Amino acid sequence: MKRAVRIVTLAGLVSSTALALAPEEHAAHGAPALSSLFLPLINFATFVALFGYFAWPVIVSALAERRRLVEKDIAEADRVHREASALLDEIRARRERLAGDAERLVRQIRTEAEHDRQRMVEEARRGAERIRADARLVTEQEAARAAKRIREELADQVVDRVVAVLRERLTQADGERFVHEFATAVEKGDVR
């Protein structure tokens, strides 16, 4: 802050000195004399000396500070760029790894699905064979029961028919003769 005040003070001093020492206007202009260049030259030299002594260190310091900030920003940008590049490489590697994992999982799932499909088809085939065998067995059992029932009904019908025919054709005398023959056979022990 002190330097800024010094610079402003110096600039005011130099400009007021330059105005005080400036030559007055002449009515007629002629070739300038060598002596008329002396005072502006002294003004300029004083300005350069004061500028170099007071302002130049401030300017150099400000430029150095600016350079340091720019280099710091560049270094920070380089660091961020390196980190971003490393992160990008890591993301690419992870993406490739995930793509490989996804491909491997798809193959694994397809393989497992194919095994499951084959297993289910085999189980369905065995189930169908079991159902056919059970149906065949049930059919055979039902056919045997139906045949037995038919035979029993047929036997009952035959017996009923024979009894009916015998009742029609047999007389009372035939019935008594059958009873007498049966009783004789029982007495002899020849019952069949």
Protein backbone atom coordinates (compact mmCIF):
# COMPACT_ATOMS: atom_id res chain seq x y z
CA MET A 1 0.00 0.00 0.00
CA LYS A 2 2.90 2.33 0.82
CA ARG A 3 4.37 1.72 -2.61
CA ALA A 4 1.10 2.67 -4.29
CA VAL A 5 1.05 5.96 -2.36
CA ARG A 6 4.67 6.60 -3.31
CA ILE A 7 3.91 5.95 -6.98
CA VAL A 8 0.95 8.31 -6.99
CA THR A 9 3.02 10.97 -5.20
CA LEU A 10 5.91 10.51 -7.63
CA ALA A 11 3.63 10.77 -10.62
CA GLY A 12 2.14 14.00 -9.27
CA LEU A 13 5.60 15.44 -8.59
CA VAL A 14 6.91 14.56 -12.03
CA SER A 15 3.90 15.99 -13.80
CA SER A 16 4.00 19.24 -11.81
CA THR A 17 7.74 19.60 -12.43
CA ALA A 18 7.17 19.03 -16.10
CA LEU A 19 4.52 21.75 -16.20
CA ALA A 20 6.66 24.23 -14.24
CA LEU A 21 9.68 23.74 -16.40
CA ALA A 22 7.81 23.59 -19.69
CA PRO A 23 8.70 26.46 -21.99
CA GLU A 24 6.09 29.11 -22.56
CA GLU A 25 4.48 29.46 -25.93
CA HIS A 26 6.14 31.75 -28.33
CA ALA A 27 4.36 33.77 -30.83
CA ALA A 28 6.67 32.82 -33.60
CA HIS A 29 8.00 29.39 -34.08
CA GLY A 30 11.45 29.02 -35.25
CA ALA A 31 13.98 26.28 -35.19
CA PRO A 32 14.33 24.97 -31.65
CA ALA A 33 17.55 25.69 -29.95
CA LEU A 34 19.64 22.98 -28.47
CA SER A 35 19.27 24.60 -25.07
CA SER A 36 15.48 24.25 -25.25
CA LEU A 37 15.87 20.43 -25.34
CA PHE A 38 17.92 20.40 -22.16
CA LEU A 39 15.04 20.93 -19.69
CA PRO A 40 12.72 18.30 -21.23
CA LEU A 41 15.68 15.90 -21.27
CA ILE A 42 16.29 16.55 -17.56
CA ASN A 43 12.53 16.11 -16.90
CA PHE A 44 12.56 12.80 -18.77
CA ALA A 45 15.70 11.58 -16.99
CA THR A 46 14.21 12.53 -13.62
CA PHE A 47 11.01 10.70 -14.56
CA VAL A 48 12.92 7.59 -15.63
CA ALA A 49 15.05 7.64 -12.45
CA LEU A 50 12.06 8.10 -10.16
CA PHE A 51 10.03 5.56 -12.11
CA GLY A 52 12.89 3.08 -11.95
CA TYR A 53 13.41 3.65 -8.25
CA PHE A 54 9.79 3.67 -7.07
CA ALA A 55 7.54 2.09 -9.71
CA TRP A 56 9.77 -0.50 -11.36
CA PRO A 57 10.21 -2.70 -8.23
CA VAL A 58 6.42 -2.67 -7.71
CA ILE A 59 5.84 -3.60 -11.35
CA VAL A 60 8.48 -6.35 -11.22
CA SER A 61 7.05 -7.63 -7.93
CA ALA A 62 3.51 -7.60 -9.35
CA LEU A 63 4.65 -9.39 -12.51
CA ALA A 64 6.59 -11.93 -10.43
CA GLU A 65 3.54 -12.49 -8.23
CA ARG A 66 1.37 -12.85 -11.32
CA ARG A 67 3.87 -15.28 -12.83
CA ARG A 68 3.91 -17.28 -9.59
CA LEU A 69 0.07 -17.41 -9.57
CA VAL A 70 -0.05 -18.40 -13.25
CA GLU A 71 2.59 -21.13 -12.68
CA LYS A 72 0.66 -22.30 -9.62
CA ASP A 73 -2.56 -22.38 -11.67
CA ILE A 74 -0.79 -24.23 -14.49
CA ALA A 75 0.67 -26.73 -12.01
CA GLU A 76 -2.77 -27.18 -10.45
CA ALA A 77 -4.33 -27.61 -13.89
CA ASP A 78 -1.63 -30.19 -14.79
CA ARG A 79 -2.28 -32.04 -11.53
CA VAL A 80 -6.05 -32.00 -12.14
CA HIS A 81 -5.46 -33.10 -15.75
CA ARG A 82 -3.26 -35.99 -14.59
CA GLU A 83 -5.85 -37.00 -11.99
CA ALA A 84 -8.63 -36.77 -14.58
CA SER A 85 -6.56 -38.82 -17.03
CA ALA A 86 -5.87 -41.43 -14.35
CA LEU A 87 -9.55 -41.47 -13.42
CA LEU A 88 -10.53 -41.76 -17.09
CA ASP A 89 -8.08 -44.66 -17.54
CA GLU A 90 -9.50 -46.30 -14.44
CA ILE A 91 -13.05 -45.82 -15.72
CA ARG A 92 -12.10 -47.26 -19.12
CA ALA A 93 -10.43 -50.24 -17.47
CA ARG A 94 -13.45 -50.74 -15.22
CA ARG A 95 -15.78 -50.46 -18.22
CA GLU A 96 -13.75 -53.07 -20.12
CA ARG A 97 -13.67 -55.29 -17.04
CA LEU A 98 -17.43 -54.87 -16.61
CA ALA A 99 -18.00 -55.59 -20.30
CA GLY A 100 -15.95 -58.78 -19.90
CA ASP A 101 -17.82 -59.67 -16.72
CA ALA A 102 -21.15 -59.00 -18.43
CA GLU A 103 -20.16 -61.17 -21.38
CA ARG A 104 -19.03 -63.94 -19.02
CA LEU A 105 -22.27 -63.67 -17.02
CA VAL A 106 -24.37 -63.82 -20.19
CA ARG A 107 -22.51 -66.95 -21.30
CA GLN A 108 -22.88 -68.47 -17.82
CA ILE A 109 -26.59 -67.65 -17.67
CA ARG A 110 -27.13 -69.07 -21.15
CA THR A 111 -25.25 -72.24 -20.19
CA GLU A 112 -27.26 -72.59 -16.98
CA ALA A 113 -30.49 -71.89 -18.87
CA GLU A 114 -29.60 -74.57 -21.43
CA HIS A 115 -28.83 -77.06 -18.63
CA ASP A 116 -32.09 -76.13 -16.90
CA ARG A 117 -33.99 -76.53 -20.16
CA GLN A 118 -32.44 -79.95 -20.79
CA ARG A 119 -33.12 -80.98 -17.19
CA MET A 120 -36.76 -79.83 -17.42
CA VAL A 121 -37.22 -81.59 -20.78
CA GLU A 122 -35.76 -84.78 -19.29
CA GLU A 123 -37.98 -84.48 -16.21
CA ALA A 124 -41.01 -83.86 -18.43
CA ARG A 125 -40.10 -86.90 -20.55
CA ARG A 126 -39.73 -89.07 -17.44
CA GLY A 127 -42.98 -87.65 -16.05
CA ALA A 128 -44.77 -88.41 -19.33
CA GLU A 129 -43.39 -91.98 -19.30
CA ARG A 130 -44.52 -92.38 -15.67
CA ILE A 131 -47.99 -91.06 -16.58
CA ARG A 132 -48.16 -93.44 -19.56
CA ALA A 133 -47.07 -96.37 -17.38
CA ASP A 134 -49.59 -95.40 -14.69
CA ALA A 135 -52.32 -94.99 -17.33
CA ARG A 136 -51.43 -98.37 -18.83
CA LEU A 137 -51.53 -99.98 -15.39
CA VAL A 138 -54.83 -98.30 -14.49
CA THR A 139 -56.27 -99.30 -17.88
CA GLU A 140 -55.18 -102.90 -17.39
CA GLN A 141 -56.61 -102.95 -13.85
CA GLU A 142 -59.88 -101.40 -15.00
CA ALA A 143 -60.06 -103.85 -17.91
CA ALA A 144 -59.45 -106.77 -15.53
CA ARG A 145 -62.12 -105.49 -13.12
CA ALA A 146 -64.55 -104.95 -15.98
CA ALA A 147 -63.85 -108.45 -17.35
CA LYS A 148 -64.33 -109.95 -13.88
CA ARG A 149 -67.56 -108.00 -13.41
CA ILE A 150 -68.75 -109.09 -16.86
CA ARG A 151 -67.88 -112.71 -16.08
CA GLU A 152 -69.69 -112.48 -12.72
CA GLU A 153 -72.73 -110.88 -14.35
CA LEU A 154 -72.61 -113.41 -17.13
CA ALA A 155 -72.32 -116.25 -14.60
CA ASP A 156 -75.22 -114.81 -12.60
CA GLN A 157 -77.28 -114.49 -15.77
CA VAL A 158 -76.40 -118.07 -16.78
CA VAL A 159 -77.31 -119.36 -13.34
CA ASP A 160 -80.55 -117.35 -13.36
CA ARG A 161 -81.35 -118.65 -16.82
CA VAL A 162 -80.51 -122.25 -15.91
CA VAL A 163 -82.63 -121.97 -12.77
CA ALA A 164 -85.47 -120.49 -14.81
CA VAL A 165 -85.17 -123.23 -17.44
CA LEU A 166 -84.94 -125.91 -14.76
CA ARG A 167 -88.06 -124.57 -13.06
CA GLU A 168 -89.87 -124.69 -16.31
CA ARG A 169 -88.75 -128.18 -17.29
CA LEU A 170 -88.43 -129.95 -13.96
CA THR A 171 -91.42 -131.42 -12.36
CA GLN A 172 -92.21 -132.19 -8.75
CA ALA A 173 -91.11 -135.80 -9.28
CA ASP A 174 -87.74 -134.68 -10.65
CA GLY A 175 -87.21 -132.51 -7.56
CA GLU A 176 -87.99 -135.39 -5.20
CA ARG A 177 -85.69 -137.70 -7.14
CA PHE A 178 -82.82 -135.14 -6.86
CA VAL A 179 -83.34 -134.84 -3.11
CA HIS A 180 -83.42 -138.64 -2.72
CA GLU A 181 -80.19 -139.06 -4.75
CA PHE A 182 -78.50 -136.33 -2.71
CA ALA A 183 -79.50 -137.90 0.58
CA THR A 184 -78.21 -141.32 -0.59
CA ALA A 185 -74.91 -139.78 -1.63
CA VAL A 186 -74.56 -138.10 1.76
CA GLU A 187 -75.17 -141.38 3.54
CA LYS A 188 -72.48 -143.03 1.48
CA GLY A 189 -70.08 -140.08 2.00
CA ASP A 190 -69.86 -139.46 -1.74
CA VAL A 191 -70.82 -135.82 -1.89
CA ARG A 192 -69.32 -133.87 -4.74
